[in-house]
N, C-alpha and C. Protein backbone atom coordinates (compact mmCIF):
# COMPACT_ATOMS: atom_id res chain seq x y z
N MET A 1 22.95 3.14 114.02
CA MET A 1 22.04 4.61 113.90
C MET A 1 21.31 4.76 115.49
N LYS A 2 22.02 4.92 116.16
CA LYS A 2 21.54 5.27 117.47
C LYS A 2 20.97 6.70 117.52
N ASN A 3 21.23 7.43 117.09
CA ASN A 3 20.78 9.01 117.13
C ASN A 3 20.54 8.95 115.79
N CYS A 4 18.87 9.51 115.54
CA CYS A 4 18.23 9.70 114.49
C CYS A 4 18.02 11.45 114.60
N LYS A 5 18.92 11.84 114.18
CA LYS A 5 18.85 13.40 113.95
C LYS A 5 17.44 14.09 112.94
N LEU A 6 17.28 13.48 111.98
CA LEU A 6 16.23 13.88 111.07
C LEU A 6 14.73 13.68 111.87
N CYS A 7 14.59 12.87 113.06
CA CYS A 7 13.55 12.38 113.22
C CYS A 7 12.99 13.27 114.60
N SER A 8 11.99 13.72 114.88
CA SER A 8 11.55 14.52 115.82
C SER A 8 11.51 13.36 117.11
N TYR A 9 11.06 12.18 116.89
CA TYR A 9 10.59 11.23 117.78
C TYR A 9 12.20 10.38 118.14
N SER A 10 12.99 10.78 119.16
CA SER A 10 14.02 10.38 119.33
C SER A 10 14.15 9.25 119.67
N LYS A 11 12.97 9.36 121.06
CA LYS A 11 12.94 7.87 121.86
C LYS A 11 12.67 6.55 121.19
N VAL A 12 11.88 6.95 120.03
CA VAL A 12 11.30 5.99 119.30
C VAL A 12 12.20 5.53 118.24
N CYS A 13 12.93 6.50 117.70
CA CYS A 13 14.25 6.12 116.57
C CYS A 13 15.27 5.45 117.02
N ASN A 14 15.40 5.90 118.59
CA ASN A 14 16.76 5.07 119.08
C ASN A 14 16.18 3.41 119.28
N SER A 15 14.88 3.10 119.61
CA SER A 15 14.87 1.88 119.86
C SER A 15 14.19 1.26 118.38
N LEU A 16 13.59 1.99 117.52
CA LEU A 16 13.10 1.42 116.33
C LEU A 16 13.54 2.76 115.16
N PRO A 17 14.75 2.00 114.65
CA PRO A 17 15.07 2.94 113.53
C PRO A 17 14.46 3.20 112.52
N PHE A 18 13.74 1.93 112.06
CA PHE A 18 12.90 1.97 110.91
C PHE A 18 11.86 3.10 110.66
N VAL A 19 11.35 2.94 112.04
CA VAL A 19 10.20 4.11 112.39
C VAL A 19 10.54 5.31 111.68
N CYS A 20 11.37 5.70 112.05
CA CYS A 20 11.94 7.23 111.37
C CYS A 20 11.75 7.36 110.29
N VAL A 21 12.59 6.18 109.22
CA VAL A 21 12.64 6.28 107.90
C VAL A 21 11.14 6.12 107.45
N LEU A 22 9.90 5.21 107.87
CA LEU A 22 8.72 5.16 107.35
C LEU A 22 8.01 6.38 107.67
N LEU A 23 8.28 7.22 108.83
CA LEU A 23 7.69 8.26 108.77
C LEU A 23 7.93 9.53 107.72
N GLN A 24 9.24 9.40 107.50
CA GLN A 24 9.61 10.41 106.63
C GLN A 24 9.01 9.78 105.04
N PHE A 25 9.10 8.72 104.76
CA PHE A 25 8.55 8.18 103.56
C PHE A 25 7.10 8.69 103.66
N ALA A 26 6.27 8.09 104.56
CA ALA A 26 4.71 8.55 104.88
C ALA A 26 4.59 10.12 104.66
N ALA A 27 5.45 10.75 105.23
CA ALA A 27 5.61 12.23 104.79
C ALA A 27 5.46 12.94 103.52
N VAL A 28 6.23 12.44 102.86
CA VAL A 28 6.58 12.38 101.49
C VAL A 28 5.44 12.26 100.55
N ILE A 29 5.21 10.87 100.62
CA ILE A 29 3.79 10.19 100.03
C ILE A 29 2.89 11.13 100.22
N LEU A 30 2.45 11.57 101.33
CA LEU A 30 1.22 12.26 102.11
C LEU A 30 0.94 13.71 100.86
N LEU A 31 2.51 14.37 101.20
CA LEU A 31 2.47 15.64 100.58
C LEU A 31 2.51 15.39 99.01
N ILE A 32 2.93 14.55 98.41
CA ILE A 32 2.84 14.59 96.89
C ILE A 32 1.47 13.84 96.64
N GLY A 33 0.54 13.34 97.32
CA GLY A 33 -0.59 12.99 96.91
C GLY A 33 -1.64 14.14 97.33
N LEU A 34 -1.08 14.80 98.36
CA LEU A 34 -2.30 16.14 98.64
C LEU A 34 -1.96 16.95 97.36
N LEU A 35 -0.76 17.23 97.11
CA LEU A 35 -0.68 18.15 96.14
C LEU A 35 -1.12 17.76 94.62
N GLY A 36 -1.17 16.20 94.54
CA GLY A 36 -1.52 15.84 92.97
C GLY A 36 -3.24 15.77 93.44
N TYR A 37 -3.69 15.40 94.62
CA TYR A 37 -5.38 15.76 94.52
C TYR A 37 -5.88 17.20 94.33
N LEU A 38 -4.93 18.14 94.63
CA LEU A 38 -5.48 19.45 94.57
C LEU A 38 -5.12 19.81 93.09
N PHE A 39 -4.06 19.49 92.47
CA PHE A 39 -3.76 19.79 91.12
C PHE A 39 -5.04 19.02 90.38
N VAL A 40 -5.47 17.86 90.52
CA VAL A 40 -6.38 17.31 89.83
C VAL A 40 -7.89 17.89 89.80
N THR A 41 -8.20 18.25 91.24
CA THR A 41 -9.28 18.92 91.46
C THR A 41 -9.53 20.13 90.76
N GLN A 42 -8.35 20.98 90.95
CA GLN A 42 -8.19 22.33 90.22
C GLN A 42 -8.47 22.24 88.53
N GLU A 43 -8.01 21.23 88.00
CA GLU A 43 -7.96 21.01 86.55
C GLU A 43 -9.23 20.61 86.00
N LEU A 44 -9.86 19.75 87.18
CA LEU A 44 -11.55 19.41 86.46
C LEU A 44 -12.48 19.88 87.05
């Protein structure tokens, strides 16, 4: 995994490939959490 195409931080990903995966998971979890929070606040 020398080239991390999906990650904008290519220098970090080349040295630490798992950082790219963690950033993607963190972004997805944050987005789901934000949408869930907005849904709950709008319903209540």
